[in-house]
Amino acid sequence: MKAVYLEEGAVNKGDISLKPITDIIDTKIYYNTVEENKIEHIGDAEVVFANKVVFDEDTFAKCPNLKYIGVCATGYNVIDLEAAQRHSVTVTNVPAYSTDAVAQLTWGFIIESVNHIALHNKSVHEGAWCRSEIFCYWLDKVTELTGKTLGVAGYGNIGRKVSDIALAFGMKVLVHTAHPEKYEAKDNLEFVSLDELFEQSDIISFHCPLNDRTKKIVCAENIAKMKDGVIIINVSRGGLVDEGDLANALKSGKVAAAAADVVSVEPMREDNPLLDAPNMIITPHIGWASVEARERLINIVADNLKAYLNGEKKNVIV
């Protein structure tokens, strides 16, 4: 069988190996693939490994040899699953490989938002501490997390990890999830409606999938329900946020600070309103990108393929 890996540049900067995959199947590797060259890159391959490349009806029709897509990510919204079924293409994904990495970035965002570490580090390196008349100074309000309320929208693997860390900080946690009946409340953790979460939380962190129910859930209408000075964290999907509405709320001070590892269009466009919004931290979709998570990803992608070749099912979507 012939295989292609369409987007090595998204997972490997020379610090990990694709050998777990290439030891199993002869694989042609492309650094990147875009819409204009995806049909050429896929060619007559039967097995494709991809991340953000879109597979729609037209793609399947033009690549009739295709039998298997190994999505190198947890999300698979770029795949038209009904079209994949019509063309008898198996699709697998990689769940839960980046839980610790994304939770870690979430807390990096939260701690930076309340401690302003980068702001003070920059000030010190510019000489302000050397010129200070007293032994200390602060440039923005520093606040403690203990006793504050964290709202967690979405209670999958990442949401649960983020919640556990919040409890260790001595915070109260409010959780909104589509299926609260699956879980039990615990000390300082309560399941609530989305409106209650918006109204009562000091910090809100989003860990939910992008779908019709969650699209632009962070919008002017919902921001108005939130506390004045709320902090908003999004490490989930950029489409959860109406970026213009969030930028306006940051400018007005209704939202004290926000942080995002994802935006609506990636790579980010120069006209994205969040670029000019005050107190907005943005990272280039790195939450999943720890060395350990990327190595774990490749190993699971390889295991998924082994199972498929052995006639077994592992992490099969369709």
Protein backbone atom coordinates (compact mmCIF):
# COMPACT_ATOMS: atom_id res chain seq x y z
CA MET A 1 0.00 0.00 0.00
CA LYS A 2 1.08 3.56 -0.69
CA ALA A 3 0.75 6.27 1.94
CA VAL A 4 1.28 10.03 2.15
CA TYR A 5 1.74 12.27 5.16
CA LEU A 6 0.37 15.62 4.05
CA GLU A 7 1.41 18.05 6.80
CA GLU A 8 4.62 17.06 8.55
CA GLY A 9 5.37 20.73 9.28
CA ALA A 10 2.36 20.87 11.59
CA VAL A 11 3.74 18.19 13.90
CA ASN A 12 7.51 17.97 13.45
CA LYS A 13 10.15 20.67 13.64
CA GLY A 14 12.97 18.15 13.58
CA ASP A 15 12.56 17.19 17.23
CA ILE A 16 10.46 14.04 16.82
CA SER A 17 10.40 11.13 14.37
CA LEU A 18 7.74 9.76 12.04
CA LYS A 19 9.46 6.37 12.19
CA PRO A 20 6.60 4.69 14.08
CA ILE A 21 4.52 5.30 10.92
CA THR A 22 7.17 4.83 8.22
CA ASP A 23 8.25 1.51 9.77
CA ILE A 24 4.75 0.21 9.06
CA ILE A 25 4.06 1.60 5.61
CA ASP A 26 5.98 3.19 2.74
CA THR A 27 5.11 6.86 3.20
CA LYS A 28 5.80 9.92 1.10
CA ILE A 29 6.10 12.93 3.37
CA TYR A 30 5.11 16.49 2.49
CA TYR A 31 6.03 19.41 4.73
CA ASN A 32 2.68 21.08 3.99
CA THR A 33 -0.36 20.62 1.80
CA VAL A 34 -2.88 23.28 0.79
CA GLU A 35 -6.14 23.21 -1.12
CA GLU A 36 -4.42 23.95 -4.43
CA ASN A 37 -2.08 20.94 -4.31
CA LYS A 38 -3.88 18.40 -2.13
CA ILE A 39 -5.15 16.24 -5.03
CA GLU A 40 -1.64 16.15 -6.51
CA HIS A 41 -0.12 15.25 -3.14
CA ILE A 42 -2.65 12.52 -2.40
CA GLY A 43 -2.27 11.08 -5.89
CA ASP A 44 -3.02 7.36 -5.98
CA ALA A 45 -2.28 6.77 -2.30
CA GLU A 46 -4.52 4.40 -0.39
CA VAL A 47 -3.55 5.71 3.04
CA VAL A 48 -3.38 9.40 3.98
CA PHE A 49 -2.28 11.07 7.20
CA ALA A 50 -3.58 14.60 7.57
CA ASN A 51 -4.48 17.30 10.06
CA LYS A 52 -6.19 20.38 8.60
CA VAL A 53 -6.58 19.34 4.95
CA VAL A 54 -10.24 19.33 3.97
CA PHE A 55 -11.68 16.06 2.66
CA ASP A 56 -15.01 16.73 0.97
CA GLU A 57 -17.03 14.91 -1.68
CA ASP A 58 -14.92 16.40 -4.46
CA THR A 59 -11.69 15.21 -2.82
CA PHE A 60 -12.97 11.67 -2.39
CA ALA A 61 -14.23 11.61 -5.99
CA LYS A 62 -10.85 12.72 -7.33
CA CYS A 63 -8.90 10.25 -5.17
CA PRO A 64 -10.63 6.93 -5.86
CA ASN A 65 -7.77 4.82 -4.47
CA LEU A 66 -8.19 6.31 -1.00
CA LYS A 67 -9.14 3.74 1.63
CA TYR A 68 -7.96 5.18 4.95
CA ILE A 69 -7.50 8.64 6.50
CA GLY A 70 -5.53 8.86 9.72
CA VAL A 71 -6.44 12.23 11.21
CA CYS A 72 -3.41 13.43 13.20
CA ALA A 73 -5.54 15.29 15.71
CA THR A 74 -8.51 14.83 18.00
CA GLY A 75 -10.89 17.01 15.98
CA TYR A 76 -12.05 15.73 12.60
CA ASN A 77 -14.46 18.44 11.45
CA VAL A 78 -12.39 18.85 8.23
CA ILE A 79 -13.62 15.42 7.09
CA ASP A 80 -17.01 15.02 5.44
CA LEU A 81 -17.86 11.79 7.24
CA GLU A 82 -20.90 11.04 5.11
CA ALA A 83 -18.80 11.36 1.96
CA ALA A 84 -16.14 9.14 3.52
CA GLN A 85 -18.77 6.47 4.17
CA ARG A 86 -20.12 6.74 0.64
CA HIS A 87 -16.62 6.13 -0.71
CA SER A 88 -15.88 3.36 1.82
CA VAL A 89 -13.03 5.26 3.44
CA THR A 90 -12.14 4.50 7.06
CA VAL A 91 -11.36 7.54 9.22
CA THR A 92 -9.53 7.44 12.56
CA ASN A 93 -8.50 10.16 15.00
CA VAL A 94 -6.31 10.54 18.09
CA PRO A 95 -8.27 11.29 21.26
CA ALA A 96 -6.83 12.55 24.55
CA TYR A 97 -3.16 12.71 23.49
CA SER A 98 -2.72 16.39 24.45
CA THR A 99 -4.77 16.66 27.64
CA ASP A 100 -1.86 17.55 29.93
CA ALA A 101 -0.29 19.96 27.43
CA VAL A 102 -3.50 21.91 26.81
CA ALA A 103 -4.38 22.04 30.50
CA GLN A 104 -0.87 23.35 31.18
CA LEU A 105 -1.26 26.15 28.63
CA THR A 106 -4.69 26.99 30.05
CA TRP A 107 -3.16 27.56 33.45
CA GLY A 108 -0.27 29.47 31.93
CA PHE A 109 -2.86 31.84 30.46
CA ILE A 110 -4.75 32.13 33.73
CA ILE A 111 -1.66 32.78 35.84
CA GLU A 112 -0.30 35.32 33.36
CA SER A 113 -3.66 37.11 33.39
CA VAL A 114 -3.65 37.55 37.18
CA ASN A 115 0.10 37.98 37.80
CA HIS A 116 1.17 39.91 34.65
CA ILE A 117 4.54 38.17 34.61
CA ALA A 118 5.51 39.22 31.08
CA LEU A 119 4.65 42.88 31.77
CA HIS A 120 6.83 43.02 34.87
CA ASN A 121 9.67 41.04 33.31
CA LYS A 122 9.74 43.49 30.40
CA SER A 123 9.74 46.45 32.79
CA VAL A 124 12.64 45.06 34.81
CA HIS A 125 14.71 44.38 31.69
CA GLU A 126 14.04 47.95 30.55
CA GLY A 127 15.65 49.17 33.78
CA ALA A 128 12.62 50.29 35.78
CA TRP A 129 13.54 48.26 38.87
CA CYS A 130 17.09 49.59 38.80
CA ARG A 131 15.63 53.12 38.84
CA SER A 132 13.02 52.37 41.51
CA GLU A 133 13.16 54.36 44.76
CA ILE A 134 11.71 51.48 46.77
CA PHE A 135 12.33 47.74 46.75
CA CYS A 136 9.24 46.79 44.73
CA TYR A 137 6.56 48.07 42.40
CA TRP A 138 3.69 46.69 40.33
CA LEU A 139 2.29 47.93 37.05
CA ASP A 140 -1.11 46.23 37.14
CA LYS A 141 -3.34 44.69 39.76
CA VAL A 142 -2.08 41.30 40.95
CA THR A 143 -4.81 39.02 42.30
CA GLU A 144 -4.96 35.63 44.00
CA LEU A 145 -6.79 32.67 42.54
CA THR A 146 -7.75 31.18 45.90
CA GLY A 147 -11.41 31.86 46.56
CA LYS A 148 -12.18 32.90 42.99
CA THR A 149 -14.70 31.07 40.79
CA LEU A 150 -13.58 29.32 37.61
CA GLY A 151 -16.23 28.49 35.02
CA VAL A 152 -15.36 25.49 32.85
CA ALA A 153 -17.43 25.14 29.69
CA GLY A 154 -16.98 21.56 28.54
CA TYR A 155 -16.02 18.66 30.79
CA GLY A 156 -14.08 16.26 28.62
CA ASN A 157 -10.56 15.13 29.44
CA ILE A 158 -9.12 18.65 29.28
CA GLY A 159 -11.99 20.30 31.14
CA ARG A 160 -11.69 17.78 33.95
CA LYS A 161 -7.92 18.28 34.21
CA VAL A 162 -8.30 22.07 34.29
CA SER A 163 -10.99 21.71 36.99
CA ASP A 164 -8.80 19.49 39.15
CA ILE A 165 -5.99 22.05 39.03
CA ALA A 166 -8.43 24.82 39.97
CA LEU A 167 -9.48 22.87 43.04
CA ALA A 168 -5.82 22.53 44.02
CA PHE A 169 -5.58 26.34 43.88
CA GLY A 170 -8.50 26.58 46.28
CA MET A 171 -10.95 27.86 43.70
CA LYS A 172 -14.66 27.16 43.36
CA VAL A 173 -15.42 25.45 40.03
CA LEU A 174 -18.65 25.78 38.05
CA VAL A 175 -18.98 23.32 35.18
CA HIS A 176 -21.34 23.37 32.23
CA THR A 177 -21.52 20.21 30.14
CA ALA A 178 -24.06 18.72 27.77
CA HIS A 179 -24.26 15.56 29.90
CA PRO A 180 -23.94 16.45 33.59
CA GLU A 181 -25.67 13.19 34.52
CA LYS A 182 -22.43 11.34 33.70
CA TYR A 183 -20.58 12.99 36.56
CA GLU A 184 -20.90 13.61 40.27
CA ALA A 185 -20.44 16.96 41.93
CA LYS A 186 -17.66 17.20 44.50
CA ASP A 187 -16.53 19.66 47.12
CA ASN A 188 -16.24 23.10 45.51
CA LEU A 189 -17.32 21.76 42.09
CA GLU A 190 -20.88 22.22 40.88
CA PHE A 191 -22.67 21.57 37.58
CA VAL A 192 -24.68 24.56 36.40
CA SER A 193 -26.49 26.01 33.41
CA LEU A 194 -24.52 28.04 30.92
CA ASP A 195 -26.18 31.27 32.05
CA GLU A 196 -25.26 30.53 35.67
CA LEU A 197 -21.68 29.89 34.63
CA PHE A 198 -21.55 33.20 32.75
CA GLU A 199 -23.11 35.15 35.61
CA GLN A 200 -21.10 33.74 38.52
CA SER A 201 -17.57 33.08 37.20
CA ASP A 202 -14.53 35.30 37.69
CA ILE A 203 -12.65 33.38 35.00
CA ILE A 204 -14.24 31.34 32.20
CA SER A 205 -12.30 28.69 30.29
CA PHE A 206 -13.71 27.00 27.19
CA HIS A 207 -13.02 23.32 26.48
CA CYS A 208 -15.92 22.36 24.24
CA PRO A 209 -16.18 21.28 20.59
CA LEU A 210 -17.28 23.65 17.85
CA ASN A 211 -20.82 22.87 16.71
CA ASP A 212 -24.09 24.65 16.05
CA ARG A 213 -24.72 24.99 19.80
CA THR A 214 -21.32 26.47 20.64
CA LYS A 215 -20.56 28.59 17.56
CA LYS A 216 -19.89 32.19 18.69
CA ILE A 217 -20.95 31.34 22.22
CA VAL A 218 -18.67 34.18 23.34
CA CYS A 219 -20.70 37.04 21.88
CA ALA A 220 -21.96 40.44 23.01
CA GLU A 221 -25.21 38.98 24.36
CA ASN A 222 -23.45 36.42 26.54
CA ILE A 223 -20.58 38.72 27.55
CA ALA A 224 -23.22 41.10 28.91
CA LYS A 225 -24.30 38.34 31.34
CA MET A 226 -20.77 38.01 32.73
CA LYS A 227 -19.22 39.78 35.69
CA ASP A 228 -17.50 43.08 35.04
CA GLY A 229 -13.78 42.34 34.82
CA VAL A 230 -14.19 38.70 33.82
CA ILE A 231 -11.23 36.84 32.29
CA ILE A 232 -11.94 34.64 29.24
CA ILE A 233 -9.73 31.75 28.11
CA ASN A 234 -10.19 29.85 24.83
CA VAL A 235 -7.96 26.87 24.04
CA SER A 236 -10.71 24.98 22.22
CA ARG A 237 -11.77 26.29 18.79
CA GLY A 238 -11.62 29.83 17.43
CA GLY A 239 -15.17 29.62 16.16
CA LEU A 240 -16.49 29.69 19.73
CA VAL A 241 -15.74 33.41 19.83
CA ASP A 242 -17.24 36.37 18.00
CA GLU A 243 -13.86 38.06 17.76
CA GLY A 244 -15.26 41.53 17.11
CA ASP A 245 -17.53 41.33 20.16
CA LEU A 246 -14.68 40.12 22.39
CA ALA A 247 -12.38 42.88 21.13
CA ASN A 248 -15.04 45.48 21.93
CA ALA A 249 -15.53 44.04 25.42
CA LEU A 250 -11.78 44.21 26.06
CA LYS A 251 -11.67 47.82 24.88
CA SER A 252 -14.59 48.78 27.13
CA GLY A 253 -13.11 46.97 30.15
CA LYS A 254 -16.13 44.69 30.55
CA VAL A 255 -13.65 41.84 29.97
CA ALA A 256 -10.50 42.54 31.96
CA ALA A 257 -8.31 40.12 30.01
CA ALA A 258 -8.58 37.28 27.54
CA ALA A 259 -6.29 34.64 26.12
CA ALA A 260 -6.63 32.45 23.06
CA ASP A 261 -4.57 29.69 21.51
CA VAL A 262 -7.03 29.46 18.61
CA VAL A 263 -8.74 31.92 16.27
CA SER A 264 -11.49 31.67 13.68
CA VAL A 265 -9.14 31.54 10.68
CA GLU A 266 -5.72 29.93 11.03
CA PRO A 267 -3.07 31.05 10.25
CA MET A 268 -4.35 34.28 11.80
CA ARG A 269 -5.34 37.09 9.44
CA GLU A 270 -3.86 40.56 9.79
CA ASP A 271 -7.34 42.09 10.11
CA ASN A 272 -8.37 39.94 13.08
CA PRO A 273 -9.77 42.44 15.63
CA LEU A 274 -8.16 40.61 18.54
CA LEU A 275 -4.71 41.69 17.38
CA ASP A 276 -5.43 45.27 18.43
CA ALA A 277 -7.47 44.50 21.54
CA PRO A 278 -5.96 45.45 24.91
CA ASN A 279 -5.07 42.78 27.48
CA MET A 280 -5.36 40.04 24.86
CA ILE A 281 -2.86 37.17 24.89
CA ILE A 282 -2.65 35.12 21.68
CA THR A 283 -0.49 32.07 20.98
CA PRO A 284 -0.30 30.29 17.58
CA HIS A 285 -2.24 27.09 18.38
CA ILE A 286 0.54 25.57 20.49
CA GLY A 287 -1.52 24.03 23.29
CA TRP A 288 -1.12 20.54 21.86
CA ALA A 289 2.50 20.97 20.76
CA SER A 290 4.63 19.73 23.65
CA VAL A 291 7.29 17.27 22.53
CA GLU A 292 5.67 14.58 24.65
CA ALA A 293 2.21 15.17 23.16
CA ARG A 294 3.49 15.13 19.59
CA GLU A 295 5.41 11.90 20.18
CA ARG A 296 2.30 10.41 21.75
CA LEU A 297 0.27 11.57 18.74
CA ILE A 298 2.54 9.85 16.21
CA ASN A 299 2.59 6.62 18.23
CA ILE A 300 -1.21 6.53 18.40
CA VAL A 301 -1.53 7.34 14.68
CA ALA A 302 0.76 4.37 14.02
CA ASP A 303 -1.24 2.12 16.36
CA ASN A 304 -4.47 3.14 14.61
CA LEU A 305 -2.97 2.14 11.26
CA LYS A 306 -1.70 -1.20 12.61
CA ALA A 307 -5.16 -2.02 13.86
CA TYR A 308 -6.71 -1.11 10.49
CA LEU A 309 -4.21 -3.25 8.57
CA ASN A 310 -4.97 -6.16 10.93
CA GLY A 311 -8.69 -5.82 10.34
CA GLU A 312 -9.30 -4.34 13.78
CA LYS A 313 -10.91 -1.07 14.85
CA LYS A 314 -9.09 1.49 16.97
CA ASN A 315 -10.24 5.11 17.27
CA VAL A 316 -12.42 4.65 14.20
CA ILE A 317 -14.83 7.52 13.48
CA VAL A 318 -16.43 5.92 10.41
